[in-house]
């Protein structure tokens, strides 16, 4: 695996204008993704996972203000890149599979037309070549009878089929980085496994990097090389998947792992007390302090700085050291 990052983000912040001022949905996130790497981003809903990736894609609404110290893709500066040049990059070299495929696909057009649109925008293929490529893509993602499915409308497809169409659309121009935002949400367990196997196979065959946004820690354990844990807009821990599952260093990461169903004690699930802070109740110090059983007075009053790589860059005043393993990696 190359040591030069394909995607290199430092200090990413995203704020949204609101009636009460502004709300910082992403706060100083650092992110590196190497070629052919699988990076998983996990955290509760509202932690800024999707917003950070949409900022990279340039798909946030006008109410969003995006700042960063560095936002590079393959040596190209996304912050200073002209809009016209960025449009040639996004959708071709960087693609995204969005949440909820049933609502992401346009119900007024066939799936073949929608995949063809991406090809027309980013390739020099003629009409006949694009038509053949659409059929090839549907076959690639495991859709049966792809020639007939080209003419299908989204409402004629199941959730799993719609997700495969979204993946085919994202892969149409052979991206070097694929962002998959909750690709298994609302799918049954069997289809979830098929979708993840498909993404892993495509990654191995094409060499692309994969950023996987998910709540499913089982999927992370199976697929990811590295994991970023986000909480309330901040990246609170980053380390290799194997060591994160066996030796978490941030109390929030340890709490997430303890809440897994397989760790239920006496049939009772472990829960994290409290709620993720919102716009008007953000603590002065560590954002996780009101919910953390290890919090001290310092945690409540001082913003923590990231620990070193040996401690998973944990954003914590009292990172966990030499904890008992919480979860074994799958064989």
C-alpha atoms as a PDB file:
ATOM      1  CA  UNK A   1       0.000   0.000   0.000  1.00  0.00           C
ATOM      2  CA  UNK A   2       1.356   3.414  -0.977  1.00  0.00           C
ATOM      3  CA  UNK A   3       2.505   5.697   1.831  1.00  0.00           C
ATOM      4  CA  UNK A   4       1.450   8.800  -0.139  1.00  0.00           C
ATOM      5  CA  UNK A   5      -2.180   9.587   0.695  1.00  0.00           C
ATOM      6  CA  UNK A   6      -4.685   9.749  -2.120  1.00  0.00           C
ATOM      7  CA  UNK A   7      -6.915  11.971   0.014  1.00  0.00           C
ATOM      8  CA  UNK A   8      -5.303  14.297   2.559  1.00  0.00           C
ATOM      9  CA  UNK A   9      -7.558  16.460   4.742  1.00  0.00           C
ATOM     10  CA  UNK A  10      -6.399  18.633   7.650  1.00  0.00           C
ATOM     11  CA  UNK A  11      -8.522  20.817   9.892  1.00  0.00           C
ATOM     12  CA  UNK A  12     -11.798  20.389   8.004  1.00  0.00           C
ATOM     13  CA  UNK A  13     -14.611  22.480   9.477  1.00  0.00           C
ATOM     14  CA  UNK A  14     -18.182  22.761   8.211  1.00  0.00           C
ATOM     15  CA  UNK A  15     -20.611  25.277   9.712  1.00  0.00           C
ATOM     16  CA  UNK A  16     -24.266  25.838   8.846  1.00  0.00           C
ATOM     17  CA  UNK A  17     -26.038  29.178   9.152  1.00  0.00           C
ATOM     18  CA  UNK A  18     -29.026  28.955  11.497  1.00  0.00           C
ATOM     19  CA  UNK A  19     -31.471  31.401  13.025  1.00  0.00           C
ATOM     20  CA  UNK A  20     -29.516  31.171  16.273  1.00  0.00           C
ATOM     21  CA  UNK A  21     -26.165  31.923  14.610  1.00  0.00           C
ATOM     22  CA  UNK A  22     -24.175  29.025  13.199  1.00  0.00           C
ATOM     23  CA  UNK A  23     -23.737  25.368  14.012  1.00  0.00           C
ATOM     24  CA  UNK A  24     -20.376  23.620  13.499  1.00  0.00           C
ATOM     25  CA  UNK A  25     -21.267  20.149  12.225  1.00  0.00           C
ATOM     26  CA  UNK A  26     -17.641  19.205  11.504  1.00  0.00           C
ATOM     27  CA  UNK A  27     -14.918  20.593  13.749  1.00  0.00           C
ATOM     28  CA  UNK A  28     -11.250  20.229  12.790  1.00  0.00           C
ATOM     29  CA  UNK A  29     -11.314  16.742  11.286  1.00  0.00           C
ATOM     30  CA  UNK A  30      -8.045  15.312   9.910  1.00  0.00           C
ATOM     31  CA  UNK A  31      -8.257  12.477   7.422  1.00  0.00           C
ATOM     32  CA  UNK A  32      -5.838  10.552   5.204  1.00  0.00           C
ATOM     33  CA  UNK A  33      -6.764   7.767   2.792  1.00  0.00           C
ATOM     34  CA  UNK A  34      -4.078   5.763   0.975  1.00  0.00           C
ATOM     35  CA  UNK A  35      -4.588   4.156  -2.451  1.00  0.00           C
ATOM     36  CA  UNK A  36      -6.427   0.805  -2.195  1.00  0.00           C
ATOM     37  CA  UNK A  37      -7.133   1.386   1.509  1.00  0.00           C
ATOM     38  CA  UNK A  38     -10.485   0.827   3.234  1.00  0.00           C
ATOM     39  CA  UNK A  39     -11.091   3.566   5.787  1.00  0.00           C
ATOM     40  CA  UNK A  40     -14.191   3.262   7.963  1.00  0.00           C
ATOM     41  CA  UNK A  41     -15.786   6.281   9.654  1.00  0.00           C
ATOM     42  CA  UNK A  42     -18.031   5.372  12.581  1.00  0.00           C
ATOM     43  CA  UNK A  43     -20.036   7.252  15.176  1.00  0.00           C
ATOM     44  CA  UNK A  44     -23.568   8.045  16.261  1.00  0.00           C
ATOM     45  CA  UNK A  45     -26.015   9.841  13.997  1.00  0.00           C
ATOM     46  CA  UNK A  46     -25.241  13.550  14.001  1.00  0.00           C
ATOM     47  CA  UNK A  47     -21.479  13.112  14.408  1.00  0.00           C
ATOM     48  CA  UNK A  48     -20.711  14.749  11.049  1.00  0.00           C
ATOM     49  CA  UNK A  49     -19.634  11.666   9.103  1.00  0.00           C
ATOM     50  CA  UNK A  50     -21.743  12.273   6.001  1.00  0.00           C
ATOM     51  CA  UNK A  51     -21.329  16.050   6.157  1.00  0.00           C
ATOM     52  CA  UNK A  52     -17.537  15.746   6.037  1.00  0.00           C
ATOM     53  CA  UNK A  53     -17.689  13.556   2.929  1.00  0.00           C
ATOM     54  CA  UNK A  54     -20.290  15.771   1.228  1.00  0.00           C
ATOM     55  CA  UNK A  55     -17.956  18.714   1.837  1.00  0.00           C
ATOM     56  CA  UNK A  56     -15.223  16.875  -0.070  1.00  0.00           C
ATOM     57  CA  UNK A  57     -17.690  16.165  -2.881  1.00  0.00           C
ATOM     58  CA  UNK A  58     -18.825  19.817  -2.960  1.00  0.00           C
ATOM     59  CA  UNK A  59     -22.461  18.796  -2.474  1.00  0.00           C
ATOM     60  CA  UNK A  60     -23.430  20.816   0.594  1.00  0.00           C
ATOM     61  CA  UNK A  61     -26.064  23.582   0.363  1.00  0.00           C
ATOM     62  CA  UNK A  62     -25.275  27.285   0.217  1.00  0.00           C
ATOM     63  CA  UNK A  63     -25.911  27.586   3.974  1.00  0.00           C
ATOM     64  CA  UNK A  64     -22.699  25.608   4.633  1.00  0.00           C
ATOM     65  CA  UNK A  65     -19.328  27.273   5.157  1.00  0.00           C
ATOM     66  CA  UNK A  66     -16.366  24.962   4.507  1.00  0.00           C
ATOM     67  CA  UNK A  67     -12.845  25.719   5.719  1.00  0.00           C
ATOM     68  CA  UNK A  68      -9.717  23.575   6.005  1.00  0.00           C
ATOM     69  CA  UNK A  69      -5.980  23.945   6.380  1.00  0.00           C
ATOM     70  CA  UNK A  70      -5.542  21.390   3.608  1.00  0.00           C
ATOM     71  CA  UNK A  71      -7.884  19.476   1.320  1.00  0.00           C
ATOM     72  CA  UNK A  72      -5.901  17.544  -1.281  1.00  0.00           C
ATOM     73  CA  UNK A  73      -6.801  14.763  -3.678  1.00  0.00           C
ATOM     74  CA  UNK A  74      -3.866  13.115  -5.455  1.00  0.00           C
ATOM     75  CA  UNK A  75      -1.806  16.283  -5.061  1.00  0.00           C
ATOM     76  CA  UNK A  76      -4.586  18.570  -6.316  1.00  0.00           C
ATOM     77  CA  UNK A  77      -5.886  21.309  -4.024  1.00  0.00           C
ATOM     78  CA  UNK A  78      -9.670  20.986  -3.751  1.00  0.00           C
ATOM     79  CA  UNK A  79      -9.905  24.287  -1.860  1.00  0.00           C
ATOM     80  CA  UNK A  80      -8.448  26.446  -4.634  1.00  0.00           C
ATOM     81  CA  UNK A  81      -9.493  24.338  -7.623  1.00  0.00           C
ATOM     82  CA  UNK A  82     -11.778  26.203 -10.077  1.00  0.00           C
ATOM     83  CA  UNK A  83     -15.374  24.968 -10.097  1.00  0.00           C
ATOM     84  CA  UNK A  84     -15.147  23.773 -13.713  1.00  0.00           C
ATOM     85  CA  UNK A  85     -12.064  21.657 -12.975  1.00  0.00           C
ATOM     86  CA  UNK A  86     -13.664  20.276  -9.815  1.00  0.00           C
ATOM     87  CA  UNK A  87     -16.718  19.121 -11.792  1.00  0.00           C
ATOM     88  CA  UNK A  88     -14.445  17.040 -14.019  1.00  0.00           C
ATOM     89  CA  UNK A  89     -12.903  15.408 -10.935  1.00  0.00           C
ATOM     90  CA  UNK A  90     -15.983  14.757  -8.796  1.00  0.00           C
ATOM     91  CA  UNK A  91     -18.026  11.925 -10.228  1.00  0.00           C
ATOM     92  CA  UNK A  92     -15.073  10.590 -12.200  1.00  0.00           C
ATOM     93  CA  UNK A  93     -12.048  10.149  -9.914  1.00  0.00           C
ATOM     94  CA  UNK A  94     -14.045  10.632  -6.707  1.00  0.00           C
ATOM     95  CA  UNK A  95     -17.507   9.059  -6.552  1.00  0.00           C
ATOM     96  CA  UNK A  96     -20.077   8.518  -3.829  1.00  0.00           C
ATOM     97  CA  UNK A  97     -22.777   5.971  -3.072  1.00  0.00           C
ATOM     98  CA  UNK A  98     -25.457   7.901  -1.196  1.00  0.00           C
ATOM     99  CA  UNK A  99     -27.745   6.816   1.618  1.00  0.00           C
ATOM    100  CA  UNK A 100     -31.215   5.448   0.900  1.00  0.00           C
ATOM    101  CA  UNK A 101     -30.984   4.387  -2.753  1.00  0.00           C
ATOM    102  CA  UNK A 102     -34.772   4.263  -3.062  1.00  0.00           C
ATOM    103  CA  UNK A 103     -34.866   8.053  -2.665  1.00  0.00           C
ATOM    104  CA  UNK A 104     -31.489   8.875  -4.253  1.00  0.00           C
ATOM    105  CA  UNK A 105     -32.436   7.580  -7.696  1.00  0.00           C
ATOM    106  CA  UNK A 106     -34.622   9.852  -9.845  1.00  0.00           C
ATOM    107  CA  UNK A 107     -38.042   8.162 -10.155  1.00  0.00           C
ATOM    108  CA  UNK A 108     -38.726   9.846 -13.520  1.00  0.00           C
ATOM    109  CA  UNK A 109     -35.893   8.179 -15.460  1.00  0.00           C
ATOM    110  CA  UNK A 110     -34.802   4.618 -16.105  1.00  0.00           C
ATOM    111  CA  UNK A 111     -31.749   3.331 -14.308  1.00  0.00           C
ATOM    112  CA  UNK A 112     -29.975   2.938 -17.641  1.00  0.00           C
ATOM    113  CA  UNK A 113     -30.554   6.605 -18.460  1.00  0.00           C
ATOM    114  CA  UNK A 114     -29.208   7.687 -15.067  1.00  0.00           C
ATOM    115  CA  UNK A 115     -26.012   5.624 -15.379  1.00  0.00           C
ATOM    116  CA  UNK A 116     -25.600   6.821 -18.965  1.00  0.00           C
ATOM    117  CA  UNK A 117     -25.760  10.425 -17.744  1.00  0.00           C
ATOM    118  CA  UNK A 118     -22.600   9.938 -15.670  1.00  0.00           C
ATOM    119  CA  UNK A 119     -20.829   8.383 -18.649  1.00  0.00           C
ATOM    120  CA  UNK A 120     -21.889  11.220 -20.962  1.00  0.00           C
ATOM    121  CA  UNK A 121     -20.592  13.823 -18.504  1.00  0.00           C
ATOM    122  CA  UNK A 122     -17.191  12.284 -17.803  1.00  0.00           C
ATOM    123  CA  UNK A 123     -16.168  10.106 -20.774  1.00  0.00           C
ATOM    124  CA  UNK A 124     -15.708  10.423 -24.542  1.00  0.00           C
ATOM    125  CA  UNK A 125     -17.668   7.243 -25.325  1.00  0.00           C
ATOM    126  CA  UNK A 126     -20.226   7.480 -28.112  1.00  0.00           C
ATOM    127  CA  UNK A 127     -23.883   6.495 -27.632  1.00  0.00           C
ATOM    128  CA  UNK A 128     -23.432   2.841 -28.580  1.00  0.00           C
ATOM    129  CA  UNK A 129     -20.362   2.480 -26.352  1.00  0.00           C
ATOM    130  CA  UNK A 130     -22.175   4.079 -23.424  1.00  0.00           C
ATOM    131  CA  UNK A 131     -25.125   1.718 -23.859  1.00  0.00           C
ATOM    132  CA  UNK A 132     -22.797  -1.272 -23.821  1.00  0.00           C
ATOM    133  CA  UNK A 133     -20.978   0.108 -20.781  1.00  0.00           C
ATOM    134  CA  UNK A 134     -24.261   0.505 -18.866  1.00  0.00           C
ATOM    135  CA  UNK A 135     -25.107  -3.160 -19.445  1.00  0.00           C
ATOM    136  CA  UNK A 136     -21.557  -4.118 -18.442  1.00  0.00           C
ATOM    137  CA  UNK A 137     -21.842  -2.146 -15.201  1.00  0.00           C
ATOM    138  CA  UNK A 138     -25.183  -3.689 -14.248  1.00  0.00           C
ATOM    139  CA  UNK A 139     -23.706  -7.118 -14.864  1.00  0.00           C
ATOM    140  CA  UNK A 140     -20.614  -6.176 -12.849  1.00  0.00           C
ATOM    141  CA  UNK A 141     -22.680  -5.368  -9.764  1.00  0.00           C
ATOM    142  CA  UNK A 142     -24.604  -8.623  -9.999  1.00  0.00           C
ATOM    143  CA  UNK A 143     -27.953  -7.514 -11.405  1.00  0.00           C
ATOM    144  CA  UNK A 144     -29.603 -10.407 -13.264  1.00  0.00           C
ATOM    145  CA  UNK A 145     -30.785  -9.898 -16.857  1.00  0.00           C
ATOM    146  CA  UNK A 146     -28.964  -6.537 -17.171  1.00  0.00           C
ATOM    147  CA  UNK A 147     -30.156  -5.900 -20.742  1.00  0.00           C
ATOM    148  CA  UNK A 148     -33.766  -5.829 -19.539  1.00  0.00           C
ATOM    149  CA  UNK A 149     -33.005  -3.954 -16.314  1.00  0.00           C
ATOM    150  CA  UNK A 150     -31.540  -1.029 -18.301  1.00  0.00           C
ATOM    151  CA  UNK A 151     -35.119   0.016 -19.079  1.00  0.00           C
ATOM    152  CA  UNK A 152     -36.419  -0.419 -15.518  1.00  0.00           C
ATOM    153  CA  UNK A 153     -37.555   2.512 -13.395  1.00  0.00           C
ATOM    154  CA  UNK A 154     -36.373   2.761  -9.758  1.00  0.00           C
ATOM    155  CA  UNK A 155     -39.804   1.824  -8.344  1.00  0.00           C
ATOM    156  CA  UNK A 156     -39.564  -1.492 -10.209  1.00  0.00           C
ATOM    157  CA  UNK A 157     -36.442  -2.505  -8.263  1.00  0.00           C
ATOM    158  CA  UNK A 158     -36.002  -3.842  -4.743  1.00  0.00           C
ATOM    159  CA  UNK A 159     -33.874  -2.036  -2.160  1.00  0.00           C
ATOM    160  CA  UNK A 160     -30.908  -4.330  -2.802  1.00  0.00           C
ATOM    161  CA  UNK A 161     -31.191  -3.872  -6.584  1.00  0.00           C
ATOM    162  CA  UNK A 162     -31.444  -0.097  -6.181  1.00  0.00           C
ATOM    163  CA  UNK A 163     -28.280  -0.117  -4.060  1.00  0.00           C
ATOM    164  CA  UNK A 164     -26.490  -2.097  -6.769  1.00  0.00           C
ATOM    165  CA  UNK A 165     -27.601   0.468  -9.351  1.00  0.00           C
ATOM    166  CA  UNK A 166     -26.186   3.251  -7.158  1.00  0.00           C
ATOM    167  CA  UNK A 167     -22.885   1.373  -6.944  1.00  0.00           C
ATOM    168  CA  UNK A 168     -22.877   0.833 -10.721  1.00  0.00           C
ATOM    169  CA  UNK A 169     -23.441   4.555 -11.248  1.00  0.00           C
ATOM    170  CA  UNK A 170     -20.600   5.454  -8.883  1.00  0.00           C
ATOM    171  CA  UNK A 171     -18.261   2.977 -10.605  1.00  0.00           C
ATOM    172  CA  UNK A 172     -19.198   4.063 -14.125  1.00  0.00           C
ATOM    173  CA  UNK A 173     -16.085   6.165 -14.655  1.00  0.00           C
ATOM    174  CA  UNK A 174     -13.686   3.911 -12.723  1.00  0.00           C
ATOM    175  CA  UNK A 175     -13.105   6.195  -9.694  1.00  0.00           C
ATOM    176  CA  UNK A 176      -9.911   6.094  -7.696  1.00  0.00           C
ATOM    177  CA  UNK A 177     -11.795   6.890  -4.474  1.00  0.00           C
ATOM    178  CA  UNK A 178     -15.280   5.613  -3.654  1.00  0.00           C
ATOM    179  CA  UNK A 179     -17.217   6.988  -0.683  1.00  0.00           C
ATOM    180  CA  UNK A 180     -19.968   4.620   0.455  1.00  0.00           C
ATOM    181  CA  UNK A 181     -22.391   6.306   2.872  1.00  0.00           C
ATOM    182  CA  UNK A 182     -24.284   3.692   4.880  1.00  0.00           C
ATOM    183  CA  UNK A 183     -24.411   1.304   1.897  1.00  0.00           C
ATOM    184  CA  UNK A 184     -26.256  -1.408   3.848  1.00  0.00           C
ATOM    185  CA  UNK A 185     -28.893   0.713   5.617  1.00  0.00           C
ATOM    186  CA  UNK A 186     -32.487  -0.601   5.362  1.00  0.00           C
ATOM    187  CA  UNK A 187     -31.350  -3.834   3.671  1.00  0.00           C
ATOM    188  CA  UNK A 188     -31.866  -7.301   5.104  1.00  0.00           C
ATOM    189  CA  UNK A 189     -28.873  -9.167   6.479  1.00  0.00           C
ATOM    190  CA  UNK A 190     -28.374 -11.381   3.423  1.00  0.00           C
ATOM    191  CA  UNK A 191     -28.402  -8.405   1.025  1.00  0.00           C
ATOM    192  CA  UNK A 192     -26.077  -6.466   3.355  1.00  0.00           C
ATOM    193  CA  UNK A 193     -23.501  -9.244   3.109  1.00  0.00           C
ATOM    194  CA  UNK A 194     -23.838  -9.349  -0.678  1.00  0.00           C
ATOM    195  CA  UNK A 195     -23.358  -5.578  -1.006  1.00  0.00           C
ATOM    196  CA  UNK A 196     -20.272  -5.570   1.229  1.00  0.00           C
ATOM    197  CA  UNK A 197     -18.786  -8.559  -0.614  1.00  0.00           C
ATOM    198  CA  UNK A 198     -19.413  -6.704  -3.876  1.00  0.00           C
ATOM    199  CA  UNK A 199     -17.656  -3.546  -2.660  1.00  0.00           C
ATOM    200  CA  UNK A 200     -14.686  -5.551  -1.383  1.00  0.00           C
ATOM    201  CA  UNK A 201     -14.391  -7.487  -4.646  1.00  0.00           C
ATOM    202  CA  UNK A 202     -14.592  -4.331  -6.757  1.00  0.00           C
ATOM    203  CA  UNK A 203     -11.983  -2.644  -4.585  1.00  0.00           C
ATOM    204  CA  UNK A 204      -9.575  -5.554  -5.003  1.00  0.00           C
ATOM    205  CA  UNK A 205     -10.195  -5.779  -8.751  1.00  0.00           C
ATOM    206  CA  UNK A 206      -9.924  -2.049  -9.522  1.00  0.00           C
ATOM    207  CA  UNK A 207      -7.441  -0.880  -6.867  1.00  0.00           C
ATOM    208  CA  UNK A 208      -9.649   2.008  -5.754  1.00  0.00           C
ATOM    209  CA  UNK A 209      -9.668   3.349  -2.210  1.00  0.00           C
ATOM    210  CA  UNK A 210     -12.878   3.026  -0.205  1.00  0.00           C
ATOM    211  CA  UNK A 211     -14.242   5.301   2.527  1.00  0.00           C
ATOM    212  CA  UNK A 212     -16.999   3.442   4.356  1.00  0.00           C
ATOM    213  CA  UNK A 213     -19.416   5.423   6.527  1.00  0.00           C
ATOM    214  CA  UNK A 214     -21.332   3.049   8.755  1.00  0.00           C
ATOM    215  CA  UNK A 215     -22.886   2.328  12.134  1.00  0.00           C
ATOM    216  CA  UNK A 216     -22.219  -1.388  11.784  1.00  0.00           C
ATOM    217  CA  UNK A 217     -19.075  -2.257  13.720  1.00  0.00           C
ATOM    218  CA  UNK A 218     -19.300  -5.851  12.502  1.00  0.00           C
ATOM    219  CA  UNK A 219     -18.875  -4.605   8.915  1.00  0.00           C
ATOM    220  CA  UNK A 220     -15.957  -2.458  10.056  1.00  0.00           C
ATOM    221  CA  UNK A 221     -14.254  -5.428  11.713  1.00  0.00           C
ATOM    222  CA  UNK A 222     -14.640  -7.503   8.538  1.00  0.00           C
ATOM    223  CA  UNK A 223     -13.634  -4.913   5.936  1.00  0.00           C
ATOM    224  CA  UNK A 224     -11.681  -1.924   7.226  1.00  0.00           C
ATOM    225  CA  UNK A 225      -7.933  -1.349   7.316  1.00  0.00           C
ATOM    226  CA  UNK A 226      -8.231   1.760   9.493  1.00  0.00           C
ATOM    227  CA  UNK A 227     -11.029   3.336  11.509  1.00  0.00           C
ATOM    228  CA  UNK A 228     -11.873   6.956  12.340  1.00  0.00           C
ATOM    229  CA  UNK A 229     -14.278   7.408  15.261  1.00  0.00           C
ATOM    230  CA  UNK A 230     -16.243  10.668  15.145  1.00  0.00           C
ATOM    231  CA  UNK A 231     -18.229  12.272  17.918  1.00  0.00           C
ATOM    232  CA  UNK A 232     -20.143  15.579  17.721  1.00  0.00           C
ATOM    233  CA  UNK A 233     -18.187  16.680  14.658  1.00  0.00           C
ATOM    234  CA  UNK A 234     -14.722  15.764  15.924  1.00  0.00           C
ATOM    235  CA  UNK A 235     -12.503  12.790  15.137  1.00  0.00           C
ATOM    236  CA  UNK A 236     -11.871  11.426  18.628  1.00  0.00           C
ATOM    237  CA  UNK A 237      -9.770   8.387  17.662  1.00  0.00           C
ATOM    238  CA  UNK A 238      -7.973   6.985  14.604  1.00  0.00           C
ATOM    239  CA  UNK A 239      -6.097   3.724  14.401  1.00  0.00           C
ATOM    240  CA  UNK A 240      -5.821   0.395  12.600  1.00  0.00           C
ATOM    241  CA  UNK A 241      -8.983  -1.688  12.802  1.00  0.00           C
ATOM    242  CA  UNK A 242      -7.316  -4.629  14.543  1.00  0.00           C
ATOM    243  CA  UNK A 243      -5.877  -2.522  17.356  1.00  0.00           C
ATOM    244  CA  UNK A 244      -8.969  -0.352  17.715  1.00  0.00           C
ATOM    245  CA  UNK A 245     -11.169  -3.364  18.389  1.00  0.00           C
ATOM    246  CA  UNK A 246      -8.693  -4.929  20.797  1.00  0.00           C
ATOM    247  CA  UNK A 247      -7.316  -1.789  22.486  1.00  0.00           C
ATOM    248  CA  UNK A 248      -9.564   1.301  22.182  1.00  0.00           C
ATOM    249  CA  UNK A 249      -8.034   4.405  23.737  1.00  0.00           C
ATOM    250  CA  UNK A 250     -10.886   6.924  23.782  1.00  0.00           C
ATOM    251  CA  UNK A 251     -13.693   6.289  26.308  1.00  0.00           C
ATOM    252  CA  UNK A 252     -16.276   6.897  23.556  1.00  0.00           C
ATOM    253  CA  UNK A 253     -14.765   4.176  21.371  1.00  0.00           C
ATOM    254  CA  UNK A 254     -14.721   1.784  24.325  1.00  0.00           C
ATOM    255  CA  UNK A 255     -18.368   2.641  25.042  1.00  0.00           C
ATOM    256  CA  UNK A 256     -19.387   1.958  21.446  1.00  0.00           C
ATOM    257  CA  UNK A 257     -17.720  -1.448  21.546  1.00  0.00           C
ATOM    258  CA  UNK A 258     -19.272  -2.243  24.929  1.00  0.00           C
ATOM    259  CA  UNK A 259     -22.726  -1.480  23.475  1.00  0.00           C
ATOM    260  CA  UNK A 260     -22.462  -4.258  20.884  1.00  0.00           C
ATOM    261  CA  UNK A 261     -25.253  -6.867  21.288  1.00  0.00           C
ATOM    262  CA  UNK A 262     -22.766  -9.739  21.580  1.00  0.00           C
ATOM    263  CA  UNK A 263     -21.377  -8.098  24.720  1.00  0.00           C
ATOM    264  CA  UNK A 264     -24.758  -7.954  26.452  1.00  0.00           C
ATOM    265  CA  UNK A 265     -24.537  -9.115  30.062  1.00  0.00           C
ATOM    266  CA  UNK A 266     -27.450 -11.221  31.260  1.00  0.00           C
ATOM    267  CA  UNK A 267     -29.390 -10.361  28.115  1.00  0.00           C
ATOM    268  CA  UNK A 268     -29.247  -6.631  28.912  1.00  0.00           C
ATOM    269  CA  UNK A 269     -27.620  -4.242  26.421  1.00  0.00           C
ATOM    270  CA  UNK A 270     -25.085  -1.683  27.608  1.00  0.00           C
ATOM    271  CA  UNK A 271     -26.085   1.867  26.643  1.00  0.00           C
ATOM    272  CA  UNK A 272     -24.239   5.191  26.561  1.00  0.00           C
ATOM    273  CA  UNK A 273     -26.117   7.570  28.853  1.00  0.00           C
ATOM    274  CA  UNK A 274     -27.090  11.016  27.625  1.00  0.00           C
ATOM    275  CA  UNK A 275     -27.224  12.578  24.162  1.00  0.00           C
ATOM    276  CA  UNK A 276     -24.783  13.959  21.596  1.00  0.00           C
ATOM    277  CA  UNK A 277     -24.499  17.722  22.256  1.00  0.00           C
ATOM    278  CA  UNK A 278     -26.317  19.998  19.836  1.00  0.00           C
ATOM    279  CA  UNK A 279     -25.938  23.616  18.844  1.00  0.00           C
ATOM    280  CA  UNK A 280     -26.829  25.168  22.191  1.00  0.00           C
ATOM    281  CA  UNK A 281     -25.574  22.636  24.754  1.00  0.00           C
ATOM    282  CA  UNK A 282     -21.968  22.048  23.726  1.00  0.00           C
ATOM    283  CA  UNK A 283     -19.697  21.627  26.781  1.00  0.00           C
ATOM    284  CA  UNK A 284     -16.784  23.992  27.357  1.00  0.00           C
ATOM    285  CA  UNK A 285     -14.239  21.163  27.521  1.00  0.00           C
ATOM    286  CA  UNK A 286     -14.372  17.650  26.066  1.00  0.00           C
ATOM    287  CA  UNK A 287     -17.614  17.138  24.148  1.00  0.00           C
ATOM    288  CA  UNK A 288     -17.961  13.613  25.529  1.00  0.00           C
ATOM    289  CA  UNK A 289     -17.334  14.621  29.148  1.00  0.00           C
ATOM    290  CA  UNK A 290     -21.035  14.776  30.236  1.00  0.00           C
ATOM    291  CA  UNK A 291     -21.462  11.123  29.171  1.00  0.00           C
ATOM    292  CA  UNK A 292     -18.034   9.797  30.206  1.00  0.00           C
ATOM    293  CA  UNK A 293     -17.528   7.806  33.415  1.00  0.00           C
ATOM    294  CA  UNK A 294     -13.812   8.693  33.381  1.00  0.00           C
ATOM    295  CA  UNK A 295     -14.328  12.469  33.136  1.00  0.00           C
ATOM    296  CA  UNK A 296     -12.506  14.755  35.577  1.00  0.00           C
ATOM    297  CA  UNK A 297     -12.904  18.460  36.296  1.00  0.00           C
ATOM    298  CA  UNK A 298     -10.269  19.139  33.658  1.00  0.00           C
ATOM    299  CA  UNK A 299     -12.321  17.232  31.081  1.00  0.00           C
ATOM    300  CA  UNK A 300     -15.330  19.459  31.750  1.00  0.00           C
ATOM    301  CA  UNK A 301     -13.361  22.702  31.442  1.00  0.00           C
ATOM    302  CA  UNK A 302     -10.487  22.210  28.977  1.00  0.00           C
ATOM    303  CA  UNK A 303     -10.637  21.175  25.331  1.00  0.00           C
ATOM    304  CA  UNK A 304      -8.380  18.104  24.958  1.00  0.00           C
ATOM    305  CA  UNK A 305      -5.589  17.819  22.406  1.00  0.00           C
ATOM    306  CA  UNK A 306      -4.941  14.659  20.426  1.00  0.00           C
ATOM    307  CA  UNK A 307      -2.657  12.060  21.994  1.00  0.00           C
ATOM    308  CA  UNK A 308       0.135  10.520  19.932  1.00  0.00           C
ATOM    309  CA  UNK A 309      -0.281   7.723  17.355  1.00  0.00           C
ATOM    310  CA  UNK A 310       0.564   5.139  20.029  1.00  0.00           C
ATOM    311  CA  UNK A 311      -2.695   6.097  21.753  1.00  0.00           C
ATOM    312  CA  UNK A 312      -4.769   6.246  18.581  1.00  0.00           C
ATOM    313  CA  UNK A 313      -4.586  10.046  18.444  1.00  0.00           C
ATOM    314  CA  UNK A 314      -7.338   9.945  21.056  1.00  0.00           C
ATOM    315  CA  UNK A 315      -8.859  13.367  21.679  1.00  0.00           C
ATOM    316  CA  UNK A 316      -8.903  12.834  25.426  1.00  0.00           C
ATOM    317  CA  UNK A 317      -7.249  14.070  28.641  1.00  0.00           C
ATOM    318  CA  UNK A 318      -7.355  10.552  30.125  1.00  0.00           C
ATOM    319  CA  UNK A 319      -6.938   8.059  27.267  1.00  0.00           C
ATOM    320  CA  UNK A 320      -7.363   4.398  28.126  1.00  0.00           C
ATOM    321  CA  UNK A 321      -4.026   2.589  28.340  1.00  0.00           C
ATOM    322  CA  UNK A 322      -3.573  -1.201  28.356  1.00  0.00           C
ATOM    323  CA  UNK A 323      -7.279  -1.922  28.545  1.00  0.00           C
ATOM    324  CA  UNK A 324      -8.518  -5.500  28.464  1.00  0.00           C
ATOM    325  CA  UNK A 325      -9.529  -6.459  24.918  1.00  0.00           C
ATOM    326  CA  UNK A 326     -13.191  -5.602  24.296  1.00  0.00           C
ATOM    327  CA  UNK A 327     -13.771  -7.482  21.058  1.00  0.00           C
ATOM    328  CA  UNK A 328     -11.889 -10.044  19.074  1.00  0.00           C
ATOM    329  CA  UNK A 329     -11.343  -9.482  15.373  1.00  0.00           C
ATOM    330  CA  UNK A 330     -13.053 -12.094  13.164  1.00  0.00           C
ATOM    331  CA  UNK A 331     -10.881 -14.969  11.994  1.00  0.00           C
END
